[in-house]
Amino acid sequence: MEHIYLQGSEAVQTAGHRMSSAAEDMRQAAMNISSALFEHQQFLTDWLAEFRQVFEESREREAAKGK
């Protein structure tokens, strides 16, 4: 049985492993960004709800003063 050695095959294999590792790093970074955006959206939603409540209470007080 003859063996054929492909020159540079180890370099290709190493590059493949590095690309796979980089892809996993990018996937993890994307998940972290997604999580941060979700938390930011939740913060803004909560902040807006509190702002609306304060605004409505302020309007009601102003309306009561005008009567």
C-alpha atoms as a PDB file:
ATOM      1  CA  MET A   1       0.000   0.000   0.000  1.00  0.00           C
ATOM      2  CA  GLU A   2       1.354   3.378  -0.966  1.00  0.00           C
ATOM      3  CA  HIS A   3       1.022   6.434   1.202  1.00  0.00           C
ATOM      4  CA  ILE A   4       0.604   9.842  -0.320  1.00  0.00           C
ATOM      5  CA  TYR A   5       1.741  12.837   1.671  1.00  0.00           C
ATOM      6  CA  LEU A   6       0.064  16.108   0.795  1.00  0.00           C
ATOM      7  CA  GLN A   7       2.484  18.887   1.460  1.00  0.00           C
ATOM      8  CA  GLY A   8       0.858  21.625   3.535  1.00  0.00           C
ATOM      9  CA  SER A   9      -2.053  19.460   4.680  1.00  0.00           C
ATOM     10  CA  GLU A  10      -1.186  20.087   8.341  1.00  0.00           C
ATOM     11  CA  ALA A  11      -1.294  23.816   7.720  1.00  0.00           C
ATOM     12  CA  VAL A  12      -4.721  23.471   6.112  1.00  0.00           C
ATOM     13  CA  GLN A  13      -5.953  21.386   9.029  1.00  0.00           C
ATOM     14  CA  THR A  14      -4.566  23.900  11.535  1.00  0.00           C
ATOM     15  CA  ALA A  15      -6.208  26.743   9.633  1.00  0.00           C
ATOM     16  CA  GLY A  16      -9.498  24.859   9.693  1.00  0.00           C
ATOM     17  CA  HIS A  17      -9.305  24.429  13.451  1.00  0.00           C
ATOM     18  CA  ARG A  18      -8.452  28.098  13.900  1.00  0.00           C
ATOM     19  CA  MET A  19     -11.370  29.126  11.688  1.00  0.00           C
ATOM     20  CA  SER A  20     -13.694  26.907  13.693  1.00  0.00           C
ATOM     21  CA  SER A  21     -12.432  28.425  16.929  1.00  0.00           C
ATOM     22  CA  ALA A  22     -12.859  31.946  15.538  1.00  0.00           C
ATOM     23  CA  ALA A  23     -16.395  31.107  14.441  1.00  0.00           C
ATOM     24  CA  GLU A  24     -17.208  29.920  17.971  1.00  0.00           C
ATOM     25  CA  ASP A  25     -15.747  33.136  19.407  1.00  0.00           C
ATOM     26  CA  MET A  26     -17.899  35.160  17.001  1.00  0.00           C
ATOM     27  CA  ARG A  27     -20.992  33.140  17.947  1.00  0.00           C
ATOM     28  CA  GLN A  28     -20.328  33.796  21.627  1.00  0.00           C
ATOM     29  CA  ALA A  29     -19.793  37.506  20.971  1.00  0.00           C
ATOM     30  CA  ALA A  30     -23.063  37.674  19.032  1.00  0.00           C
ATOM     31  CA  MET A  31     -24.888  35.994  21.919  1.00  0.00           C
ATOM     32  CA  ASN A  32     -23.360  38.475  24.373  1.00  0.00           C
ATOM     33  CA  ILE A  33     -24.438  41.398  22.192  1.00  0.00           C
ATOM     34  CA  SER A  34     -27.927  39.938  21.889  1.00  0.00           C
ATOM     35  CA  SER A  35     -28.158  39.552  25.650  1.00  0.00           C
ATOM     36  CA  ALA A  36     -26.937  43.109  26.247  1.00  0.00           C
ATOM     37  CA  LEU A  37     -29.462  44.478  23.754  1.00  0.00           C
ATOM     38  CA  PHE A  38     -32.274  42.542  25.433  1.00  0.00           C
ATOM     39  CA  GLU A  39     -31.288  43.919  28.840  1.00  0.00           C
ATOM     40  CA  HIS A  40     -31.051  47.440  27.405  1.00  0.00           C
ATOM     41  CA  GLN A  41     -34.479  47.099  25.809  1.00  0.00           C
ATOM     42  CA  GLN A  42     -35.921  45.892  29.117  1.00  0.00           C
ATOM     43  CA  PHE A  43     -34.337  48.842  30.935  1.00  0.00           C
ATOM     44  CA  LEU A  44     -35.792  51.304  28.417  1.00  0.00           C
ATOM     45  CA  THR A  45     -39.220  49.675  28.579  1.00  0.00           C
ATOM     46  CA  ASP A  46     -39.236  49.911  32.371  1.00  0.00           C
ATOM     47  CA  TRP A  47     -37.938  53.488  32.281  1.00  0.00           C
ATOM     48  CA  LEU A  48     -40.611  54.524  29.794  1.00  0.00           C
ATOM     49  CA  ALA A  49     -43.361  52.966  31.919  1.00  0.00           C
ATOM     50  CA  GLU A  50     -42.136  54.918  34.955  1.00  0.00           C
ATOM     51  CA  PHE A  51     -41.878  58.095  32.890  1.00  0.00           C
ATOM     52  CA  ARG A  52     -45.449  57.678  31.644  1.00  0.00           C
ATOM     53  CA  GLN A  53     -46.683  57.191  35.183  1.00  0.00           C
ATOM     54  CA  VAL A  54     -44.892  60.305  36.452  1.00  0.00           C
ATOM     55  CA  PHE A  55     -46.123  62.287  33.442  1.00  0.00           C
ATOM     56  CA  GLU A  56     -49.724  61.198  33.963  1.00  0.00           C
ATOM     57  CA  GLU A  57     -49.562  62.005  37.666  1.00  0.00           C
ATOM     58  CA  SER A  58     -48.145  65.420  36.839  1.00  0.00           C
ATOM     59  CA  ARG A  59     -50.936  66.074  34.316  1.00  0.00           C
ATOM     60  CA  GLU A  60     -53.553  65.040  36.863  1.00  0.00           C
ATOM     61  CA  ARG A  61     -52.082  67.395  39.475  1.00  0.00           C
ATOM     62  CA  GLU A  62     -52.007  70.259  36.982  1.00  0.00           C
ATOM     63  CA  ALA A  63     -55.599  69.542  35.953  1.00  0.00           C
ATOM     64  CA  ALA A  64     -56.680  69.478  39.624  1.00  0.00           C
ATOM     65  CA  LYS A  65     -54.995  72.856  40.196  1.00  0.00           C
ATOM     66  CA  GLY A  66     -56.892  74.381  37.270  1.00  0.00           C
ATOM     67  CA  LYS A  67     -60.286  73.428  38.665  1.00  0.00           C
END
